[in-house]
N, C-alpha and C. Protein backbone atom coordinates (compact mmCIF):
# COMPACT_ATOMS: atom_id res chain seq x y z
N MET A 1 0.91 -1.41 -0.31
CA MET A 1 0.08 -0.19 0.06
C MET A 1 0.71 1.21 0.13
N LYS A 2 0.36 2.33 -0.65
CA LYS A 2 1.50 3.23 -0.98
C LYS A 2 0.94 4.37 0.05
N THR A 3 2.03 5.16 0.80
CA THR A 3 1.51 5.84 1.74
C THR A 3 1.18 7.79 1.20
N LEU A 4 0.78 8.07 1.84
CA LEU A 4 0.32 9.49 1.14
C LEU A 4 1.48 10.16 1.02
N PHE A 5 2.31 10.63 1.34
CA PHE A 5 3.87 10.95 1.02
C PHE A 5 4.86 10.06 1.24
N ASN A 6 5.33 9.85 0.90
CA ASN A 6 7.16 9.56 1.01
C ASN A 6 7.77 10.20 1.00
N SER A 7 8.78 9.22 1.51
CA SER A 7 10.02 10.42 2.18
C SER A 7 10.47 11.27 1.02
N ARG A 8 10.72 10.56 -0.11
CA ARG A 8 11.29 11.51 -1.51
C ARG A 8 10.03 12.67 -1.55
N GLN A 9 8.79 12.76 -1.55
CA GLN A 9 7.88 13.46 -1.45
C GLN A 9 8.13 14.53 -0.91
N PHE A 10 8.26 14.05 0.76
CA PHE A 10 8.74 15.10 1.81
C PHE A 10 9.56 15.86 1.44
N HIS A 11 11.12 15.32 1.14
CA HIS A 11 12.39 15.72 1.20
C HIS A 11 11.65 16.79 0.30
N LYS A 12 11.48 16.58 -1.57
CA LYS A 12 11.62 17.38 -2.15
C LYS A 12 10.02 18.41 -1.86
N ALA A 13 9.22 18.41 -0.96
CA ALA A 13 8.42 19.57 -0.22
C ALA A 13 9.67 20.16 0.44
N LEU A 14 10.01 20.00 1.36
CA LEU A 14 10.68 20.53 2.02
C LEU A 14 11.88 21.63 1.89
N ALA A 15 12.60 21.09 0.92
CA ALA A 15 13.70 20.92 0.45
C ALA A 15 13.99 22.79 0.33
N PRO A 16 13.11 23.37 -0.79
CA PRO A 16 13.41 24.76 -0.81
C PRO A 16 12.74 25.51 0.05
N TRP A 17 12.44 25.39 1.66
CA TRP A 17 12.13 26.44 2.59
C TRP A 17 13.82 25.76 3.78
N ILE A 18 14.03 25.06 3.33
CA ILE A 18 15.20 24.55 4.44
C ILE A 18 16.49 25.14 3.88
N PHE A 19 16.44 24.77 2.79
CA PHE A 19 17.91 25.52 2.52
C PHE A 19 18.48 26.50 2.20
N LEU A 20 17.80 27.97 1.96
CA LEU A 20 18.60 29.18 2.25
C LEU A 20 18.66 29.34 3.57
N PRO A 21 18.48 28.89 4.94
CA PRO A 21 18.73 29.16 6.07
C PRO A 21 19.82 28.21 6.66
N LEU A 22 19.81 26.97 5.56
CA LEU A 22 20.96 25.94 5.93
C LEU A 22 21.89 26.87 5.40
N PHE A 23 21.71 27.41 4.11
CA PHE A 23 23.12 27.70 3.11
C PHE A 23 23.67 29.26 4.27
N ILE A 24 22.58 29.59 4.60
CA ILE A 24 23.21 31.16 4.83
C ILE A 24 24.18 30.97 6.16
N SER A 25 23.77 29.74 6.98
CA SER A 25 24.40 29.31 8.38
C SER A 25 25.65 28.45 8.01
N SER A 26 25.54 27.55 7.14
CA SER A 26 27.14 27.18 6.93
C SER A 26 28.03 28.02 6.09
N ILE A 27 27.81 29.16 5.45
CA ILE A 27 28.33 29.54 5.00
C ILE A 27 28.89 30.71 5.65
N THR A 28 27.73 31.40 6.53
CA THR A 28 28.39 32.14 7.94
C THR A 28 29.46 31.64 8.60
N GLY A 29 29.17 30.48 8.74
CA GLY A 29 30.05 29.91 10.36
C GLY A 29 31.32 29.38 9.44
N LEU A 30 31.23 29.13 8.42
CA LEU A 30 32.63 29.11 7.89
C LEU A 30 33.53 29.94 7.71
N ILE A 31 33.21 30.89 7.14
CA ILE A 31 33.69 32.25 6.64
C ILE A 31 34.22 32.97 8.72
N TYR A 32 33.44 32.76 9.29
CA TYR A 32 33.83 33.28 10.47
C TYR A 32 34.29 32.60 11.52
N ARG A 33 34.90 31.07 11.29
CA ARG A 33 35.70 30.36 11.33
C ARG A 33 37.14 30.49 10.98
N VAL A 34 37.41 30.65 9.56
CA VAL A 34 37.95 31.01 8.61
C VAL A 34 39.37 32.64 8.84
N SER A 35 37.59 33.26 9.38
CA SER A 35 38.14 34.33 9.44
C SER A 35 39.10 35.16 10.33
N LYS A 36 38.25 34.16 11.45
CA LYS A 36 38.44 34.46 13.00
C LYS A 36 40.07 33.31 13.11
N ASP A 37 40.03 32.18 12.86
CA ASP A 37 41.68 31.71 13.30
C ASP A 37 42.46 31.32 12.22
N LEU A 38 42.69 31.53 10.86
CA LEU A 38 43.15 31.71 9.81
C LEU A 38 43.36 32.68 9.13
N LEU A 39 42.77 34.12 9.64
CA LEU A 39 42.75 35.24 9.21
C LEU A 39 43.65 36.07 10.05
N GLY A 40 43.25 35.62 11.43
CA GLY A 40 43.32 36.60 12.15
C GLY A 40 42.67 37.80 12.74
N TYR A 41 41.30 37.75 12.56
CA TYR A 41 40.34 38.54 12.32
C TYR A 41 40.00 38.53 14.26
N SER A 42 39.54 39.60 14.96
CA SER A 42 39.04 39.50 16.28
C SER A 42 37.90 38.66 16.17
N ARG A 43 37.47 38.70 17.67
CA ARG A 43 35.95 38.72 17.63
C ARG A 43 34.86 39.63 17.40
N GLU A 44 35.51 40.73 17.39
CA GLU A 44 34.37 41.90 17.46
C GLU A 44 34.38 42.09 15.79
N GLN A 45 35.40 41.53 15.02
CA GLN A 45 35.47 42.50 13.87
C GLN A 45 34.48 41.43 12.70
N VAL A 46 34.40 40.52 13.15
CA VAL A 46 33.71 39.08 12.32
C VAL A 46 32.39 38.59 13.47
N HIS A 47 32.14 39.42 14.30
CA HIS A 47 30.58 39.28 15.17
C HIS A 47 29.39 39.06 14.30
N TRP A 48 29.02 40.24 13.08
CA TRP A 48 27.98 40.15 12.52
C TRP A 48 27.85 39.11 11.38
N LEU A 49 29.02 38.46 11.52
CA LEU A 49 28.85 36.96 10.63
C LEU A 49 28.27 36.13 11.60
N MET A 50 28.72 35.98 13.10
CA MET A 50 28.01 35.09 13.84
C MET A 50 26.49 35.65 14.09
N SER A 51 26.22 36.70 13.97
CA SER A 51 24.79 37.40 14.00
C SER A 51 24.17 36.30 13.22
N LEU A 52 24.41 36.64 11.70
CA LEU A 52 23.78 35.95 10.68
C LEU A 52 23.82 34.24 10.88
N HIS A 53 24.63 34.08 11.05
CA HIS A 53 24.59 32.22 11.34
C HIS A 53 23.85 31.95 12.31
N GLU A 54 23.57 32.66 13.55
CA GLU A 54 22.67 32.25 14.36
C GLU A 54 21.32 33.04 14.55
N GLY A 55 20.89 33.59 13.63
CA GLY A 55 19.61 33.92 13.49
C GLY A 55 19.49 35.73 14.48
N GLU A 56 20.47 35.80 15.25
CA GLU A 56 20.52 37.08 16.10
C GLU A 56 19.71 37.98 16.00
N TRP A 57 19.83 38.71 14.59
CA TRP A 57 18.89 39.81 13.75
C TRP A 57 18.07 39.55 13.93
N LEU A 58 17.16 38.77 14.20
CA LEU A 58 15.38 38.23 14.70
C LEU A 58 15.02 38.46 15.88
N GLY A 59 16.24 38.92 17.16
CA GLY A 59 15.49 39.06 18.13
C GLY A 59 15.84 37.98 18.97
N ASP A 60 15.52 37.71 20.26
CA ASP A 60 15.39 36.77 20.97
C ASP A 60 14.75 35.49 20.73
N LYS A 61 13.34 35.80 20.49
CA LYS A 61 12.64 34.62 20.30
C LYS A 61 12.88 34.09 18.96
N GLY A 62 12.56 35.33 17.75
CA GLY A 62 13.33 34.90 16.20
C GLY A 62 14.67 34.04 16.50
N GLU A 63 15.48 34.40 17.11
CA GLU A 63 16.89 33.79 17.06
C GLU A 63 16.49 32.17 18.06
N LEU A 64 16.18 32.03 18.77
CA LEU A 64 15.51 30.64 19.41
C LEU A 64 14.96 29.67 18.05
N ILE A 65 14.36 30.15 17.43
CA ILE A 65 12.84 29.99 16.43
C ILE A 65 13.93 29.30 15.50
N TYR A 66 14.73 30.17 14.78
CA TYR A 66 15.50 29.76 14.20
C TYR A 66 16.70 28.80 14.16
N VAL A 67 17.18 28.92 15.09
CA VAL A 67 18.06 27.50 15.49
C VAL A 67 17.04 26.24 15.56
N ILE A 68 16.15 26.31 16.21
CA ILE A 68 15.15 25.28 16.52
C ILE A 68 14.96 24.47 14.32
N LEU A 69 14.35 25.64 13.76
CA LEU A 69 14.03 25.41 12.71
C LEU A 69 15.53 24.40 12.02
N ASN A 70 16.19 25.31 12.08
CA ASN A 70 17.45 24.91 10.99
C ASN A 70 17.82 23.30 11.49
N SER A 71 17.88 23.38 13.14
CA SER A 71 18.35 22.02 13.91
C SER A 71 17.27 20.84 12.76
N LEU A 72 16.11 21.07 12.99
CA LEU A 72 15.21 20.05 13.08
C LEU A 72 15.31 20.17 10.87
N GLY A 73 15.54 20.77 10.41
CA GLY A 73 15.78 20.73 9.08
C GLY A 73 16.47 19.77 8.81
N VAL A 74 18.06 20.31 9.70
CA VAL A 74 18.92 19.10 8.79
C VAL A 74 18.70 17.86 9.59
N LEU A 75 17.99 17.66 10.80
CA LEU A 75 17.32 16.66 10.87
C LEU A 75 16.78 15.44 9.85
N TRP A 76 15.77 16.73 9.40
CA TRP A 76 14.70 15.93 8.70
C TRP A 76 15.53 15.50 7.14
N MET A 77 16.53 16.23 6.51
CA MET A 77 16.85 16.45 5.48
C MET A 77 17.77 14.98 5.75
N LEU A 78 18.19 14.86 6.42
CA LEU A 78 19.40 13.52 6.70
C LEU A 78 18.97 12.59 6.93
N VAL A 79 17.59 12.31 7.75
CA VAL A 79 16.18 11.64 7.76
C VAL A 79 15.80 10.63 6.66
N THR A 80 15.15 11.96 5.93
CA THR A 80 14.77 11.87 4.41
C THR A 80 16.14 11.31 3.30
N GLY A 81 16.72 11.89 3.38
CA GLY A 81 17.85 11.63 2.47
C GLY A 81 18.48 10.33 2.53
N PHE A 82 18.71 9.69 3.85
CA PHE A 82 19.07 8.18 4.32
C PHE A 82 18.40 7.63 3.99
N GLN A 83 16.79 7.76 3.95
CA GLN A 83 15.64 6.67 3.42
C GLN A 83 15.34 6.66 1.68
N MET A 84 15.70 7.59 1.60
CA MET A 84 15.56 7.30 -0.07
C MET A 84 17.05 6.69 -0.19
N PHE A 85 18.11 7.07 -0.27
CA PHE A 85 19.67 6.37 -0.23
C PHE A 85 19.26 4.89 -0.03
N SER A 86 18.98 4.65 1.49
CA SER A 86 18.61 3.66 1.30
C SER A 86 17.83 2.36 0.36
N LYS A 87 16.77 3.31 -0.05
CA LYS A 87 15.91 2.76 -1.00
C LYS A 87 16.72 2.36 -2.63
N THR A 88 17.48 3.06 -2.60
CA THR A 88 18.00 3.22 -4.09
C THR A 88 19.48 2.38 -3.97
N ILE A 89 20.35 1.72 -2.73
CA ILE A 89 21.15 1.31 -2.99
C ILE A 89 20.49 -0.19 -2.19
N SER A 90 21.11 -1.45 -2.43
CA SER A 90 20.62 -2.55 -1.98
C SER A 90 22.09 -2.95 -1.05
N PHE A 91 21.27 -2.95 0.30
CA PHE A 91 22.49 -3.65 1.51
C PHE A 91 22.58 -5.13 1.28
N THR A 92 21.46 -5.94 0.44
CA THR A 92 21.72 -7.23 0.61
C THR A 92 21.96 -7.54 -1.04
N LYS A 93 22.14 -9.05 -1.34
CA LYS A 93 22.40 -9.31 -2.52
C LYS A 93 21.15 -9.95 -2.74
N LYS A 94 20.68 -9.79 -3.68
CA LYS A 94 19.21 -9.98 -4.54
C LYS A 94 19.83 -11.60 -4.98
N VAL A 95 18.44 -12.97 -4.25
CA VAL A 95 19.28 -14.25 -5.39
C VAL A 95 18.46 -14.14 -6.03
N THR A 96 18.61 -14.60 -7.14
CA THR A 96 18.14 -14.90 -8.31
C THR A 96 17.41 -16.64 -8.77
N LYS A 97 16.38 -16.81 -9.17
CA LYS A 97 15.83 -18.03 -9.86
C LYS A 97 17.10 -19.02 -9.96
N GLY A 98 17.51 -20.06 -9.50
CA GLY A 98 17.73 -20.96 -10.16
C GLY A 98 19.62 -20.81 -9.31
N GLU A 99 19.62 -19.59 -8.26
CA GLU A 99 20.90 -19.39 -7.55
C GLU A 99 21.10 -19.19 -6.74
N SER A 100 22.45 -19.62 -5.99
CA SER A 100 22.44 -20.56 -4.57
C SER A 100 23.24 -19.05 -3.86
N LYS A 101 23.05 -18.98 -2.14
CA LYS A 101 23.28 -18.03 -1.97
C LYS A 101 24.76 -18.22 -0.97
N GLY A 102 25.04 -19.14 -1.43
CA GLY A 102 26.42 -19.42 -0.99
C GLY A 102 27.54 -18.48 -1.89
């Protein structure tokens, strides 16, 4: 029996909404760390990147919601992505008629 939504449909439906916040967080986090640790910028000089990264610009409640939704988005994409992956990759060898498992 086919379910109303499978993991591929959920993944496809939510991906456009999850992409931009995750993209912003990953890029700003990377640039922040590289700028601070490798390029020698001070924490104050690159704090604006961390503000974008954490959603600080949304205010206290908005920041919390942004972080929670980003975290749930990553988990959702990982779970549905793994489900799709596991359906396309066979983890066990299929036995055809006339073959032995040996």
